[in-house]
Amino acid sequence: MIELKPSAYAPYDDPEDYILSWTDRIWEPRGMGQIREHYLPDIKVHGAYGTIVGNEPIIQACLQKNAAYPHRLFTGEDVIWEVRDENTWLSSHRIVNCGKQEGFWQYGPPTFKHTSSRNIAVCLVRDAMIAEEWVVRDEWAVVEQSGHDVDAIARQIAFAPSAGLLGEKGGKLLGDAPANPLVEGVSGKRPQHGREEDQRVVAMIDEVWNQHLRNLVPAYFSRDIVVETTRHRTHARDDGYKTELDHLFGPFPDAQVEIYDVAFNEDSFHGTRVSILWVLGGTYCGVPQYGPVTGSPVEIFGVSHFQFRGDKIYKEWRIYDELSVLAQIKRARGDEPTSH
């Protein structure tokens, strides 16, 4: 078994403390320049719209976000971390964001309405510096709760994107998926792979999600399964879990989900958890959930956290950016913003 050196998360007590403490240290006092002390200069941050390269563009994007949400607060719900080598580890950090849009933002003028949403940030940390990040945000919830027009914002993003805020895309969003993410994901080799929970989650995604064998839900999930996902949708029991999968796959009936990374952690407080970084690829040819169908390709970048009770999953947090889904469809449909 590989042991992490303390220098891999210094000067903090452990990886969880590293993630939670530096998040507070940067955002609460609005010390965005401190990102230089935690992010490598050439870091890549992958999101639902593309990739931002370099810590300076990240600082600039954060300054704009702070201007819009000056009193936004973060609460870390869980940090699922896993060793990559003695100097490197992967963190999957689930966060609740709360705040009001008190300044101008890409969505429009301030509305002073309270919003809450979840993010999951997956960070590759090497020698106590973040080398790469994959982040998913529930931006539909933010736009809707702020009182903005979701359709109008999606059109704006589709036809007038801000590369500095949203990143730039070329080809597949995250490139080609790893051949066997249980052994090696986009963050590198997993030296401590082979746990039963890892294998069960990957098998579940293949059978229940991709092969649509919903009849197998009881084999993988506790009777009391609860799934929490985008826009604060929450479903319970087998029927509820199937309903939420229908929401995800119904518009894209030919879709397949590819797994890009896996992380496992077990501790006395949170129990046994598995993080899955995934991308759904399909065509908008099914139910018209996002307006008239287009037959166009769509990519959905998501992260799920699965919590176990015994040998079954009893909780899933599934986060992805539905606003990016709507923007992709509106661009394919040619729904350009109307002029006033």
Protein backbone atom coordinates (compact mmCIF):
# COMPACT_ATOMS: atom_id res chain seq x y z
CA MET A 1 0.00 0.00 0.00
CA ILE A 2 1.31 3.44 -0.96
CA GLU A 3 1.35 6.02 1.82
CA LEU A 4 1.04 9.71 1.06
CA LYS A 5 3.91 11.85 2.25
CA PRO A 6 2.82 14.73 4.52
CA SER A 7 4.46 17.08 2.01
CA ALA A 8 1.76 16.09 -0.50
CA TYR A 9 -0.84 18.06 1.49
CA ALA A 10 1.32 20.41 3.59
CA PRO A 11 0.85 22.55 5.59
CA TYR A 12 -2.53 20.94 6.42
CA ASP A 13 -3.33 17.96 8.62
CA ASP A 14 -4.56 15.62 5.88
CA PRO A 15 -5.99 15.79 2.32
CA GLU A 16 -9.52 16.61 3.49
CA ASP A 17 -8.24 19.46 5.64
CA TYR A 18 -6.13 20.68 2.68
CA ILE A 19 -9.17 20.92 0.38
CA LEU A 20 -11.57 22.45 2.90
CA SER A 21 -9.06 24.88 4.42
CA TRP A 22 -7.61 26.30 1.21
CA THR A 23 -11.09 26.75 -0.22
CA ASP A 24 -12.03 28.87 2.81
CA ARG A 25 -8.69 30.64 2.77
CA ILE A 26 -9.08 31.79 -0.84
CA TRP A 27 -12.79 32.55 -1.06
CA GLU A 28 -13.91 33.82 2.34
CA PRO A 29 -11.49 36.80 2.49
CA ARG A 30 -11.72 37.15 -1.32
CA GLY A 31 -7.97 36.60 -1.63
CA MET A 32 -8.11 35.40 -5.21
CA GLY A 33 -4.40 36.04 -5.72
CA GLN A 34 -3.69 33.21 -3.29
CA ILE A 35 -4.67 30.84 -6.08
CA ARG A 36 -1.05 31.26 -7.25
CA GLU A 37 0.03 29.51 -4.04
CA HIS A 38 -2.20 26.46 -4.68
CA TYR A 39 -2.62 26.11 -8.47
CA LEU A 40 0.26 25.38 -10.83
CA PRO A 41 0.85 28.19 -13.37
CA ASP A 42 -0.13 25.95 -16.30
CA ILE A 43 -3.08 24.21 -14.63
CA LYS A 44 -5.96 22.99 -16.81
CA VAL A 45 -9.49 23.38 -15.43
CA HIS A 46 -12.08 21.37 -17.36
CA GLY A 47 -15.76 22.33 -17.22
CA ALA A 48 -19.04 21.73 -19.01
CA TYR A 49 -18.16 24.18 -21.80
CA GLY A 50 -14.47 23.57 -22.25
CA THR A 51 -11.06 24.08 -20.64
CA ILE A 52 -9.37 27.10 -19.08
CA VAL A 53 -5.56 26.96 -19.04
CA GLY A 54 -3.39 28.80 -16.52
CA ASN A 55 -3.92 30.15 -13.02
CA GLU A 56 -4.07 33.79 -14.12
CA PRO A 57 -7.22 33.31 -16.29
CA ILE A 58 -8.73 31.45 -13.34
CA ILE A 59 -8.02 34.37 -11.02
CA GLN A 60 -9.59 36.77 -13.53
CA ALA A 61 -12.72 34.59 -13.82
CA CYS A 62 -12.97 34.37 -10.01
CA LEU A 63 -12.70 38.16 -9.66
CA GLN A 64 -15.70 38.52 -11.96
CA LYS A 65 -17.64 35.91 -10.01
CA ASN A 66 -16.85 37.72 -6.76
CA ALA A 67 -18.11 41.00 -8.22
CA ALA A 68 -21.45 39.32 -8.95
CA TYR A 69 -21.69 37.27 -5.74
CA PRO A 70 -19.63 39.14 -3.13
CA HIS A 71 -21.11 37.30 -0.16
CA ARG A 72 -21.37 33.80 -1.58
CA LEU A 73 -20.50 31.07 0.92
CA PHE A 74 -19.23 27.52 0.39
CA THR A 75 -19.87 24.52 2.60
CA GLY A 76 -17.97 21.31 1.93
CA GLU A 77 -20.22 18.28 2.28
CA ASP A 78 -17.61 15.61 1.56
CA VAL A 79 -14.10 15.11 0.22
CA ILE A 80 -13.53 11.72 -1.42
CA TRP A 81 -9.77 11.48 -1.85
CA GLU A 82 -7.52 8.73 -3.12
CA VAL A 83 -3.77 8.20 -3.44
CA ARG A 84 -2.09 8.21 -6.87
CA ASP A 85 1.51 8.00 -5.64
CA GLU A 86 3.38 9.07 -2.53
CA ASN A 87 3.35 12.71 -3.70
CA THR A 88 0.04 12.78 -5.61
CA TRP A 89 -3.61 12.33 -4.78
CA LEU A 90 -7.05 12.93 -6.25
CA SER A 91 -9.82 14.82 -4.46
CA SER A 92 -13.54 14.83 -5.31
CA HIS A 93 -15.03 17.70 -3.28
CA ARG A 94 -18.82 18.13 -3.03
CA ILE A 95 -19.82 21.70 -2.18
CA VAL A 96 -23.01 23.60 -1.39
CA ASN A 97 -22.96 27.23 -2.60
CA CYS A 98 -25.30 29.85 -1.15
CA GLY A 99 -25.52 33.54 -1.97
CA LYS A 100 -27.24 36.39 -3.78
CA GLN A 101 -26.35 37.97 -7.10
CA GLU A 102 -25.59 41.48 -5.87
CA GLY A 103 -23.58 42.66 -8.87
CA PHE A 104 -23.54 42.35 -12.64
CA TRP A 105 -22.82 38.90 -14.05
CA GLN A 106 -22.91 37.16 -17.40
CA TYR A 107 -26.52 36.25 -16.62
CA GLY A 108 -27.64 39.85 -16.25
CA PRO A 109 -27.99 42.66 -13.70
CA PRO A 110 -28.24 41.97 -9.96
CA THR A 111 -31.48 40.48 -8.67
CA PHE A 112 -30.62 40.17 -4.93
CA LYS A 113 -32.38 36.80 -4.77
CA HIS A 114 -30.98 33.97 -2.68
CA THR A 115 -29.62 30.97 -4.57
CA SER A 116 -28.27 27.59 -3.51
CA SER A 117 -26.65 24.95 -5.67
CA ARG A 118 -24.14 22.12 -5.62
CA ASN A 119 -20.73 21.86 -7.28
CA ILE A 120 -18.31 18.97 -7.39
CA ALA A 121 -14.65 19.77 -7.98
CA VAL A 122 -12.27 16.92 -8.80
CA CYS A 123 -8.67 18.03 -8.22
CA LEU A 124 -5.39 16.29 -8.96
CA VAL A 125 -2.94 17.46 -6.28
CA ARG A 126 0.79 16.98 -6.74
CA ASP A 127 3.31 18.09 -4.10
CA ALA A 128 0.59 20.18 -2.42
CA MET A 129 -0.20 22.07 -5.64
CA ILE A 130 -3.30 21.55 -7.77
CA ALA A 131 -2.11 20.35 -11.17
CA GLU A 132 -5.46 19.74 -12.92
CA GLU A 133 -9.15 20.14 -12.10
CA TRP A 134 -12.48 18.89 -13.43
CA VAL A 135 -15.48 20.83 -12.11
CA VAL A 136 -19.25 20.50 -12.53
CA ARG A 137 -21.77 23.14 -11.45
CA ASP A 138 -25.56 23.25 -11.27
CA GLU A 139 -25.86 26.58 -13.07
CA TRP A 140 -29.50 26.07 -14.12
CA ALA A 141 -30.44 26.24 -10.42
CA VAL A 142 -28.50 29.48 -9.99
CA VAL A 143 -30.03 31.16 -13.05
CA GLU A 144 -33.56 30.04 -12.21
CA GLN A 145 -33.41 30.99 -8.53
CA SER A 146 -31.89 34.36 -9.41
CA GLY A 147 -34.99 35.16 -11.44
CA HIS A 148 -33.29 35.24 -14.84
CA ASP A 149 -34.79 33.78 -18.01
CA VAL A 150 -33.18 30.34 -18.37
CA ASP A 151 -33.93 30.10 -22.10
CA ALA A 152 -32.49 33.55 -22.80
CA ILE A 153 -29.33 32.82 -20.83
CA ALA A 154 -28.86 29.49 -22.62
CA ARG A 155 -29.15 31.27 -25.99
CA GLN A 156 -26.65 33.89 -24.86
CA ILE A 157 -24.13 31.24 -23.81
CA ALA A 158 -24.68 29.28 -27.03
CA PHE A 159 -24.05 32.20 -29.39
CA ALA A 160 -21.91 34.64 -27.40
CA PRO A 161 -19.79 32.50 -25.09
CA SER A 162 -17.16 34.06 -22.85
CA ALA A 163 -14.08 31.86 -23.33
CA GLY A 164 -12.46 33.43 -20.26
CA LEU A 165 -15.32 32.33 -18.04
CA LEU A 166 -16.47 29.15 -19.76
CA GLY A 167 -13.31 27.81 -21.35
CA GLU A 168 -12.64 26.67 -24.90
CA LYS A 169 -13.63 23.36 -26.44
CA GLY A 170 -11.91 21.34 -29.13
CA GLY A 171 -13.15 17.85 -30.09
CA LYS A 172 -14.55 15.67 -27.33
CA LEU A 173 -14.96 17.59 -24.08
CA LEU A 174 -12.51 15.44 -22.07
CA GLY A 175 -10.85 13.59 -24.93
CA ASP A 176 -11.05 9.82 -25.26
CA ALA A 177 -12.19 7.84 -22.23
CA PRO A 178 -9.64 5.56 -20.51
CA ALA A 179 -9.76 1.90 -21.53
CA ASN A 180 -10.22 0.71 -17.93
CA PRO A 181 -10.87 3.59 -15.48
CA LEU A 182 -10.81 1.16 -12.58
CA VAL A 183 -7.08 0.77 -13.22
CA GLU A 184 -6.17 4.15 -14.72
CA GLY A 185 -8.27 7.30 -15.17
CA VAL A 186 -7.53 10.74 -16.58
CA SER A 187 -5.77 11.57 -13.30
CA GLY A 188 -3.35 8.65 -13.62
CA LYS A 189 -2.96 5.09 -12.41
CA ARG A 190 -4.88 3.95 -9.34
CA PRO A 191 -2.35 1.91 -7.36
CA GLN A 192 -4.93 0.76 -4.80
CA HIS A 193 -7.75 -0.26 -7.12
CA GLY A 194 -9.67 -3.54 -6.98
CA ARG A 195 -12.16 -2.87 -4.20
CA GLU A 196 -15.58 -4.44 -4.50
CA GLU A 197 -17.42 -1.10 -4.20
CA ASP A 198 -15.50 0.40 -7.15
CA GLN A 199 -16.33 -2.58 -9.30
CA ARG A 200 -20.00 -2.56 -8.28
CA VAL A 201 -20.49 1.10 -9.21
CA VAL A 202 -18.79 0.67 -12.59
CA ALA A 203 -20.84 -2.47 -13.27
CA MET A 204 -24.02 -0.65 -12.23
CA ILE A 205 -23.36 2.21 -14.66
CA ASP A 206 -22.82 -0.31 -17.45
CA GLU A 207 -25.93 -2.37 -16.71
CA VAL A 208 -28.49 0.03 -15.18
CA TRP A 209 -27.50 3.22 -17.00
CA ASN A 210 -26.05 2.15 -20.36
CA GLN A 211 -27.87 -1.13 -20.96
CA HIS A 212 -31.09 0.26 -19.40
CA LEU A 213 -31.58 -2.80 -17.19
CA ARG A 214 -33.66 -0.87 -14.67
CA ASN A 215 -34.88 -4.19 -13.30
CA LEU A 216 -31.42 -4.58 -11.72
CA VAL A 217 -31.78 -1.46 -9.52
CA PRO A 218 -32.62 -3.57 -6.41
CA ALA A 219 -29.46 -5.62 -6.93
CA TYR A 220 -27.25 -2.54 -6.62
CA PHE A 221 -29.21 -0.15 -4.42
CA SER A 222 -30.63 -0.19 -0.92
CA ARG A 223 -34.41 -0.14 -0.58
CA ASP A 224 -34.03 3.40 0.82
CA ILE A 225 -31.91 4.77 -2.03
CA VAL A 226 -32.09 8.57 -2.37
CA VAL A 227 -30.69 10.40 -5.40
CA GLU A 228 -30.09 14.18 -5.27
CA THR A 229 -29.29 15.86 -8.55
CA THR A 230 -29.45 19.07 -10.54
CA ARG A 231 -32.06 21.76 -9.87
CA HIS A 232 -32.51 20.22 -6.40
CA ARG A 233 -34.48 17.27 -7.75
CA THR A 234 -34.63 14.53 -5.13
CA HIS A 235 -36.06 11.05 -5.64
CA ALA A 236 -36.32 8.07 -3.31
CA ARG A 237 -36.67 4.29 -3.54
CA ASP A 238 -36.29 2.17 -6.68
CA ASP A 239 -39.06 3.93 -8.58
CA GLY A 240 -37.62 7.36 -7.87
CA TYR A 241 -34.15 6.30 -9.00
CA LYS A 242 -35.55 4.99 -12.28
CA THR A 243 -37.54 8.22 -12.75
CA GLU A 244 -34.39 10.34 -12.48
CA LEU A 245 -32.58 8.11 -14.97
CA ASP A 246 -35.49 8.65 -17.35
CA HIS A 247 -34.93 12.42 -16.98
CA LEU A 248 -31.26 11.95 -17.88
CA PHE A 249 -31.65 9.49 -20.76
CA GLY A 250 -35.15 10.21 -22.12
CA PRO A 251 -34.05 13.10 -24.39
CA PHE A 252 -30.97 11.10 -25.52
CA PRO A 253 -32.17 7.49 -25.91
CA ASP A 254 -29.05 6.44 -27.84
CA ALA A 255 -26.69 7.87 -25.21
CA GLN A 256 -23.86 6.03 -23.52
CA VAL A 257 -21.98 7.10 -20.41
CA GLU A 258 -18.20 6.81 -20.41
CA ILE A 259 -16.26 6.79 -17.14
CA TYR A 260 -13.14 8.98 -17.02
CA ASP A 261 -12.04 8.51 -13.41
CA VAL A 262 -12.82 6.67 -10.19
CA ALA A 263 -11.93 7.45 -6.57
CA PHE A 264 -12.64 5.47 -3.41
CA ASN A 265 -12.53 6.54 0.21
CA GLU A 266 -13.65 5.10 3.50
CA ASP A 267 -13.62 6.76 6.90
CA SER A 268 -15.48 6.49 10.20
CA PHE A 269 -17.51 9.68 9.67
CA HIS A 270 -18.64 9.48 6.02
CA GLY A 271 -18.46 5.70 5.56
CA THR A 272 -17.65 4.13 2.20
CA ARG A 273 -17.93 6.34 -0.89
CA VAL A 274 -17.03 6.15 -4.56
CA SER A 275 -16.64 9.14 -6.90
CA ILE A 276 -17.23 8.68 -10.63
CA LEU A 277 -16.26 11.31 -13.22
CA TRP A 278 -18.35 10.62 -16.33
CA VAL A 279 -19.47 12.01 -19.70
CA LEU A 280 -22.76 11.13 -21.39
CA GLY A 281 -22.66 11.32 -25.18
CA GLY A 282 -25.76 11.01 -27.33
CA THR A 283 -28.08 12.76 -29.75
CA TYR A 284 -31.09 14.89 -28.91
CA CYS A 285 -33.58 12.63 -30.68
CA GLY A 286 -35.87 11.50 -27.86
CA VAL A 287 -38.46 13.22 -25.70
CA PRO A 288 -38.56 17.03 -26.29
CA GLN A 289 -37.49 17.87 -22.75
CA TYR A 290 -35.44 20.86 -23.93
CA GLY A 291 -37.72 22.01 -26.75
CA PRO A 292 -38.10 20.58 -30.29
CA VAL A 293 -35.64 17.77 -30.96
CA THR A 294 -32.68 18.44 -33.24
CA GLY A 295 -30.98 15.09 -33.78
CA SER A 296 -27.76 16.88 -32.85
CA PRO A 297 -24.96 15.50 -30.64
CA VAL A 298 -24.84 16.47 -26.97
CA GLU A 299 -22.18 15.91 -24.31
CA ILE A 300 -23.07 16.00 -20.61
CA PHE A 301 -20.16 16.17 -18.18
CA GLY A 302 -21.05 14.99 -14.69
CA VAL A 303 -19.71 13.68 -11.40
CA SER A 304 -21.56 11.30 -9.09
CA HIS A 305 -20.84 10.50 -5.47
CA PHE A 306 -22.12 7.10 -4.30
CA GLN A 307 -22.37 6.26 -0.60
CA PHE A 308 -22.60 2.66 0.54
CA ARG A 309 -24.40 0.96 3.39
CA GLY A 310 -23.10 -2.58 3.53
CA ASP A 311 -22.75 -3.88 -0.02
CA LYS A 312 -25.42 -1.62 -1.54
CA ILE A 313 -25.61 2.02 -2.56
CA TYR A 314 -28.04 4.03 -0.46
CA LYS A 315 -27.25 7.59 -1.62
CA GLU A 316 -26.17 9.22 -4.86
CA TRP A 317 -25.39 12.87 -5.53
CA ARG A 318 -25.40 13.35 -9.33
CA ILE A 319 -24.29 16.80 -10.48
CA TYR A 320 -24.09 18.10 -14.04
CA ASP A 321 -24.75 21.42 -15.74
CA GLU A 322 -28.18 21.24 -17.41
CA LEU A 323 -27.77 24.82 -18.58
CA SER A 324 -24.90 23.65 -20.80
CA VAL A 325 -27.16 20.93 -22.19
CA LEU A 326 -29.79 23.52 -23.11
CA ALA A 327 -27.13 25.79 -24.64
CA GLN A 328 -25.81 22.98 -26.85
CA ILE A 329 -29.33 22.23 -28.11
CA LYS A 330 -30.17 25.88 -28.75
CA ARG A 331 -26.99 26.32 -30.76
CA ALA A 332 -27.80 23.27 -32.87
CA ARG A 333 -31.36 24.53 -33.38
CA GLY A 334 -30.19 28.03 -34.31
CA ASP A 335 -32.12 29.75 -31.51
CA GLU A 336 -30.08 32.93 -31.62
CA PRO A 337 -30.75 35.64 -29.03
CA THR A 338 -33.46 38.11 -30.00
CA SER A 339 -32.42 41.74 -30.30
CA HIS A 340 -34.28 44.49 -28.45
